[in-house]
Amino acid sequence: MPKVEINYRTCTKTGQCYYLHSEAFRRRADDHPEPTAAAFPSDQREALDEAADLCPTESITIVDD
């Protein structure tokens, strides 16, 4: 099951991940994104990869558990 790691030191809070994939990301009160789950079903891997690929600061990493 894929997991999401976010580097909050490099994240600039553009929000692309939660705007494009609200099933996998949500906005925290401080405007940083966070995953909506600790791990995701394999069928969401494509959406997670797209969010990581589109992140302008490359702050999202997808890891397989």
PDB file of N, CA and C in Angstrom:
ATOM      1  N   MET A   1       0.848  -1.189   0.000  1.00  0.00           N
ATOM      2  CA  MET A   1       0.000   0.000   0.000  1.00  0.00           C
ATOM      3  C   MET A   1       0.890   1.247   0.000  1.00  0.00           C
ATOM      4  N   PRO A   2       0.680   2.140  -0.950  1.00  0.00           N
ATOM      5  CA  PRO A   2       1.498   3.356  -1.016  1.00  0.00           C
ATOM      6  C   PRO A   2       1.196   4.316   0.138  1.00  0.00           C
ATOM      7  N   LYS A   3       2.251   4.980   0.558  1.00  0.00           N
ATOM      8  CA  LYS A   3       2.144   6.022   1.581  1.00  0.00           C
ATOM      9  C   LYS A   3       2.693   7.322   1.012  1.00  0.00           C
ATOM     10  N   VAL A   4       2.233   8.431   1.588  1.00  0.00           N
ATOM     11  CA  VAL A   4       2.654   9.751   1.128  1.00  0.00           C
ATOM     12  C   VAL A   4       3.561  10.382   2.184  1.00  0.00           C
ATOM     13  N   GLU A   5       4.684  10.917   1.723  1.00  0.00           N
ATOM     14  CA  GLU A   5       5.556  11.704   2.581  1.00  0.00           C
ATOM     15  C   GLU A   5       5.630  13.106   1.998  1.00  0.00           C
ATOM     16  N   ILE A   6       5.496  14.104   2.853  1.00  0.00           N
ATOM     17  CA  ILE A   6       5.559  15.498   2.414  1.00  0.00           C
ATOM     18  C   ILE A   6       6.696  16.188   3.147  1.00  0.00           C
ATOM     19  N   ASN A   7       7.557  16.841   2.390  1.00  0.00           N
ATOM     20  CA  ASN A   7       8.643  17.611   2.971  1.00  0.00           C
ATOM     21  C   ASN A   7       8.111  19.020   3.235  1.00  0.00           C
ATOM     22  N   TYR A   8       7.803  19.295   4.495  1.00  0.00           N
ATOM     23  CA  TYR A   8       7.214  20.587   4.840  1.00  0.00           C
ATOM     24  C   TYR A   8       8.230  21.726   4.832  1.00  0.00           C
ATOM     25  N   ARG A   9       9.513  21.407   4.785  1.00  0.00           N
ATOM     26  CA  ARG A   9      10.540  22.452   4.696  1.00  0.00           C
ATOM     27  C   ARG A   9      10.600  23.044   3.289  1.00  0.00           C
ATOM     28  N   THR A  10      10.266  22.237   2.286  1.00  0.00           N
ATOM     29  CA  THR A  10      10.334  22.735   0.911  1.00  0.00           C
ATOM     30  C   THR A  10       8.965  23.069   0.323  1.00  0.00           C
ATOM     31  N   CYS A  11       7.904  22.585   0.933  1.00  0.00           N
ATOM     32  CA  CYS A  11       6.544  22.832   0.440  1.00  0.00           C
ATOM     33  C   CYS A  11       6.220  24.325   0.516  1.00  0.00           C
ATOM     34  N   THR A  12       5.732  24.870  -0.592  1.00  0.00           N
ATOM     35  CA  THR A  12       5.369  26.291  -0.628  1.00  0.00           C
ATOM     36  C   THR A  12       3.860  26.515  -0.577  1.00  0.00           C
ATOM     37  N   LYS A  13       3.119  25.472  -0.273  1.00  0.00           N
ATOM     38  CA  LYS A  13       1.669  25.552  -0.054  1.00  0.00           C
ATOM     39  C   LYS A  13       0.891  26.057  -1.269  1.00  0.00           C
ATOM     40  N   THR A  14       1.279  25.603  -2.459  1.00  0.00           N
ATOM     41  CA  THR A  14       0.542  26.023  -3.654  1.00  0.00           C
ATOM     42  C   THR A  14      -0.849  25.413  -3.700  1.00  0.00           C
ATOM     43  N   GLY A  15      -1.033  24.261  -3.064  1.00  0.00           N
ATOM     44  CA  GLY A  15      -2.342  23.626  -3.001  1.00  0.00           C
ATOM     45  C   GLY A  15      -2.712  22.781  -4.199  1.00  0.00           C
ATOM     46  N   GLN A  16      -1.824  22.636  -5.158  1.00  0.00           N
ATOM     47  CA  GLN A  16      -2.154  21.836  -6.342  1.00  0.00           C
ATOM     48  C   GLN A  16      -2.551  20.424  -5.973  1.00  0.00           C
ATOM     49  N   CYS A  17      -1.874  19.845  -5.004  1.00  0.00           N
ATOM     50  CA  CYS A  17      -2.163  18.446  -4.649  1.00  0.00           C
ATOM     51  C   CYS A  17      -3.587  18.292  -4.131  1.00  0.00           C
ATOM     52  N   TYR A  18      -4.034  19.159  -3.238  1.00  0.00           N
ATOM     53  CA  TYR A  18      -5.388  18.976  -2.713  1.00  0.00           C
ATOM     54  C   TYR A  18      -6.463  19.526  -3.634  1.00  0.00           C
ATOM     55  N   TYR A  19      -6.125  20.446  -4.522  1.00  0.00           N
ATOM     56  CA  TYR A  19      -7.105  20.881  -5.518  1.00  0.00           C
ATOM     57  C   TYR A  19      -7.325  19.810  -6.577  1.00  0.00           C
ATOM     58  N   LEU A  20      -6.248  19.158  -7.009  1.00  0.00           N
ATOM     59  CA  LEU A  20      -6.349  18.146  -8.062  1.00  0.00           C
ATOM     60  C   LEU A  20      -6.765  16.772  -7.542  1.00  0.00           C
ATOM     61  N   HIS A  21      -6.366  16.449  -6.318  1.00  0.00           N
ATOM     62  CA  HIS A  21      -6.631  15.112  -5.786  1.00  0.00           C
ATOM     63  C   HIS A  21      -7.135  15.196  -4.341  1.00  0.00           C
ATOM     64  N   SER A  22      -8.324  15.735  -4.196  1.00  0.00           N
ATOM     65  CA  SER A  22      -8.901  15.897  -2.855  1.00  0.00           C
ATOM     66  C   SER A  22      -9.214  14.563  -2.193  1.00  0.00           C
ATOM     67  N   GLU A  23      -9.213  13.483  -2.974  1.00  0.00           N
ATOM     68  CA  GLU A  23      -9.417  12.167  -2.384  1.00  0.00           C
ATOM     69  C   GLU A  23      -8.175  11.703  -1.631  1.00  0.00           C
ATOM     70  N   ALA A  24      -7.027  12.310  -1.911  1.00  0.00           N
ATOM     71  CA  ALA A  24      -5.776  11.884  -1.303  1.00  0.00           C
ATOM     72  C   ALA A  24      -5.119  12.946  -0.415  1.00  0.00           C
ATOM     73  N   PHE A  25      -5.477  14.219  -0.627  1.00  0.00           N
ATOM     74  CA  PHE A  25      -4.859  15.314   0.132  1.00  0.00           C
ATOM     75  C   PHE A  25      -5.921  16.276   0.625  1.00  0.00           C
ATOM     76  N   ARG A  26      -5.643  16.876   1.759  1.00  0.00           N
ATOM     77  CA  ARG A  26      -6.510  17.943   2.283  1.00  0.00           C
ATOM     78  C   ARG A  26      -5.625  19.063   2.806  1.00  0.00           C
ATOM     79  N   ARG A  27      -6.226  20.220   2.983  1.00  0.00           N
ATOM     80  CA  ARG A  27      -5.503  21.394   3.460  1.00  0.00           C
ATOM     81  C   ARG A  27      -5.616  21.482   4.971  1.00  0.00           C
ATOM     82  N   ARG A  28      -4.484  21.646   5.638  1.00  0.00           N
ATOM     83  CA  ARG A  28      -4.482  21.852   7.079  1.00  0.00           C
ATOM     84  C   ARG A  28      -4.794  23.316   7.379  1.00  0.00           C
ATOM     85  N   ALA A  29      -5.008  23.634   8.628  1.00  0.00           N
ATOM     86  CA  ALA A  29      -5.315  25.007   9.035  1.00  0.00           C
ATOM     87  C   ALA A  29      -4.192  25.979   8.676  1.00  0.00           C
ATOM     88  N   ASP A  30      -2.942  25.481   8.610  1.00  0.00           N
ATOM     89  CA  ASP A  30      -1.814  26.338   8.245  1.00  0.00           C
ATOM     90  C   ASP A  30      -1.562  26.359   6.733  1.00  0.00           C
ATOM     91  N   ASP A  31      -2.496  25.834   5.956  1.00  0.00           N
ATOM     92  CA  ASP A  31      -2.462  25.768   4.494  1.00  0.00           C
ATOM     93  C   ASP A  31      -1.512  24.730   3.918  1.00  0.00           C
ATOM     94  N   HIS A  32      -0.798  24.000   4.730  1.00  0.00           N
ATOM     95  CA  HIS A  32       0.014  22.892   4.226  1.00  0.00           C
ATOM     96  C   HIS A  32      -0.902  21.726   3.872  1.00  0.00           C
ATOM     97  N   PRO A  33      -0.512  20.947   2.892  1.00  0.00           N
ATOM     98  CA  PRO A  33      -1.288  19.744   2.570  1.00  0.00           C
ATOM     99  C   PRO A  33      -0.959  18.622   3.542  1.00  0.00           C
ATOM    100  N   GLU A  34      -1.878  17.688   3.661  1.00  0.00           N
ATOM    101  CA  GLU A  34      -1.620  16.460   4.402  1.00  0.00           C
ATOM    102  C   GLU A  34      -2.379  15.334   3.721  1.00  0.00           C
ATOM    103  N   PRO A  35      -1.856  14.126   3.815  1.00  0.00           N
ATOM    104  CA  PRO A  35      -2.565  12.995   3.219  1.00  0.00           C
ATOM    105  C   PRO A  35      -3.882  12.747   3.953  1.00  0.00           C
ATOM    106  N   THR A  36      -4.869  12.253   3.251  1.00  0.00           N
ATOM    107  CA  THR A  36      -6.155  11.958   3.872  1.00  0.00           C
ATOM    108  C   THR A  36      -6.162  10.592   4.552  1.00  0.00           C
ATOM    109  N   ALA A  37      -5.083   9.825   4.390  1.00  0.00           N
ATOM    110  CA  ALA A  37      -4.982   8.501   5.005  1.00  0.00           C
ATOM    111  C   ALA A  37      -3.515   8.195   5.292  1.00  0.00           C
ATOM    112  N   ALA A  38      -3.279   7.254   6.195  1.00  0.00           N
ATOM    113  CA  ALA A  38      -1.910   6.840   6.502  1.00  0.00           C
ATOM    114  C   ALA A  38      -1.309   6.033   5.347  1.00  0.00           C
ATOM    115  N   ALA A  39      -2.148   5.272   4.679  1.00  0.00           N
ATOM    116  CA  ALA A  39      -1.752   4.487   3.506  1.00  0.00           C
ATOM    117  C   ALA A  39      -2.954   4.419   2.571  1.00  0.00           C
ATOM    118  N   PHE A  40      -2.677   4.203   1.292  1.00  0.00           N
ATOM    119  CA  PHE A  40      -3.729   4.238   0.285  1.00  0.00           C
ATOM    120  C   PHE A  40      -3.828   2.904  -0.441  1.00  0.00           C
ATOM    121  N   PRO A  41      -5.023   2.579  -0.935  1.00  0.00           N
ATOM    122  CA  PRO A  41      -5.161   1.374  -1.752  1.00  0.00           C
ATOM    123  C   PRO A  41      -4.345   1.522  -3.038  1.00  0.00           C
ATOM    124  N   SER A  42      -3.922   0.420  -3.560  1.00  0.00           N
ATOM    125  CA  SER A  42      -3.085   0.427  -4.772  1.00  0.00           C
ATOM    126  C   SER A  42      -3.758   1.108  -5.952  1.00  0.00           C
ATOM    127  N   ASP A  43      -5.084   1.076  -6.008  1.00  0.00           N
ATOM    128  CA  ASP A  43      -5.765   1.692  -7.150  1.00  0.00           C
ATOM    129  C   ASP A  43      -5.693   3.228  -7.124  1.00  0.00           C
ATOM    130  N   GLN A  44      -5.203   3.819  -6.053  1.00  0.00           N
ATOM    131  CA  GLN A  44      -5.020   5.272  -5.998  1.00  0.00           C
ATOM    132  C   GLN A  44      -3.584   5.679  -6.319  1.00  0.00           C
ATOM    133  N   ARG A  45      -2.748   4.728  -6.621  1.00  0.00           N
ATOM    134  CA  ARG A  45      -1.337   5.017  -6.882  1.00  0.00           C
ATOM    135  C   ARG A  45      -1.158   6.017  -8.020  1.00  0.00           C
ATOM    136  N   GLU A  46      -1.926   5.896  -9.066  1.00  0.00           N
ATOM    137  CA  GLU A  46      -1.791   6.814 -10.207  1.00  0.00           C
ATOM    138  C   GLU A  46      -2.064   8.262  -9.789  1.00  0.00           C
ATOM    139  N   ALA A  47      -3.083   8.487  -8.987  1.00  0.00           N
ATOM    140  CA  ALA A  47      -3.402   9.841  -8.510  1.00  0.00           C
ATOM    141  C   ALA A  47      -2.283  10.367  -7.612  1.00  0.00           C
ATOM    142  N   LEU A  48      -1.751   9.509  -6.757  1.00  0.00           N
ATOM    143  CA  LEU A  48      -0.665   9.920  -5.876  1.00  0.00           C
ATOM    144  C   LEU A  48       0.582  10.284  -6.678  1.00  0.00           C
ATOM    145  N   ASP A  49       0.897   9.464  -7.665  1.00  0.00           N
ATOM    146  CA  ASP A  49       2.049   9.748  -8.516  1.00  0.00           C
ATOM    147  C   ASP A  49       1.872  11.055  -9.279  1.00  0.00           C
ATOM    148  N   GLU A  50       0.663  11.302  -9.762  1.00  0.00           N
ATOM    149  CA  GLU A  50       0.415  12.547 -10.490  1.00  0.00           C
ATOM    150  C   GLU A  50       0.606  13.749  -9.566  1.00  0.00           C
ATOM    151  N   ALA A  51       0.103  13.671  -8.356  1.00  0.00           N
ATOM    152  CA  ALA A  51       0.274  14.771  -7.407  1.00  0.00           C
ATOM    153  C   ALA A  51       1.756  15.022  -7.131  1.00  0.00           C
ATOM    154  N   ALA A  52       2.519  13.954  -6.957  1.00  0.00           N
ATOM    155  CA  ALA A  52       3.955  14.094  -6.720  1.00  0.00           C
ATOM    156  C   ALA A  52       4.643  14.699  -7.942  1.00  0.00           C
ATOM    157  N   ASP A  53       4.274  14.250  -9.127  1.00  0.00           N
ATOM    158  CA  ASP A  53       4.886  14.756 -10.363  1.00  0.00           C
ATOM    159  C   ASP A  53       4.563  16.230 -10.595  1.00  0.00           C
ATOM    160  N   LEU A  54       3.364  16.659 -10.226  1.00  0.00           N
ATOM    161  CA  LEU A  54       2.944  18.039 -10.475  1.00  0.00           C
ATOM    162  C   LEU A  54       3.349  19.011  -9.373  1.00  0.00           C
ATOM    163  N   CYS A  55       3.858  18.508  -8.261  1.00  0.00           N
ATOM    164  CA  CYS A  55       4.276  19.384  -7.166  1.00  0.00           C
ATOM    165  C   CYS A  55       5.437  20.263  -7.644  1.00  0.00           C
ATOM    166  N   PRO A  56       5.264  21.586  -7.636  1.00  0.00           N
ATOM    167  CA  PRO A  56       6.300  22.461  -8.180  1.00  0.00           C
ATOM    168  C   PRO A  56       7.607  22.453  -7.381  1.00  0.00           C
ATOM    169  N   THR A  57       7.553  22.034  -6.136  1.00  0.00           N
ATOM    170  CA  THR A  57       8.771  22.007  -5.322  1.00  0.00           C
ATOM    171  C   THR A  57       9.250  20.587  -5.050  1.00  0.00           C
ATOM    172  N   GLU A  58       8.612  19.619  -5.691  1.00  0.00           N
ATOM    173  CA  GLU A  58       8.970  18.195  -5.521  1.00  0.00           C
ATOM    174  C   GLU A  58       8.981  17.784  -4.056  1.00  0.00           C
ATOM    175  N   SER A  59       8.000  18.272  -3.309  1.00  0.00           N
ATOM    176  CA  SER A  59       7.922  18.026  -1.873  1.00  0.00           C
ATOM    177  C   SER A  59       7.128  16.776  -1.515  1.00  0.00           C
ATOM    178  N   ILE A  60       6.517  16.139  -2.488  1.00  0.00           N
ATOM    179  CA  ILE A  60       5.713  14.934  -2.241  1.00  0.00           C
ATOM    180  C   ILE A  60       6.465  13.723  -2.744  1.00  0.00           C
ATOM    181  N   THR A  61       6.583  12.738  -1.869  1.00  0.00           N
ATOM    182  CA  THR A  61       7.206  11.460  -2.228  1.00  0.00           C
ATOM    183  C   THR A  61       6.218  10.347  -1.927  1.00  0.00           C
ATOM    184  N   ILE A  62       6.104   9.411  -2.843  1.00  0.00           N
ATOM    185  CA  ILE A  62       5.234   8.254  -2.654  1.00  0.00           C
ATOM    186  C   ILE A  62       6.143   7.058  -2.393  1.00  0.00           C
ATOM    187  N   VAL A  63       5.870   6.357  -1.312  1.00  0.00           N
ATOM    188  CA  VAL A  63       6.678   5.185  -0.948  1.00  0.00           C
ATOM    189  C   VAL A  63       5.762   3.982  -0.808  1.00  0.00           C
ATOM    190  N   ASP A  64       6.271   2.835  -1.213  1.00  0.00           N
ATOM    191  CA  ASP A  64       5.509   1.599  -1.070  1.00  0.00           C
ATOM    192  C   ASP A  64       5.864   0.940   0.258  1.00  0.00           C
ATOM    193  N   ASP A  65       4.829   0.524   0.948  1.00  0.00           N
ATOM    194  CA  ASP A  65       5.025  -0.118   2.252  1.00  0.00           C
ATOM    195  C   ASP A  65       5.347  -1.581   2.080  1.00  0.00           C
TER     196      ASP A  65
END
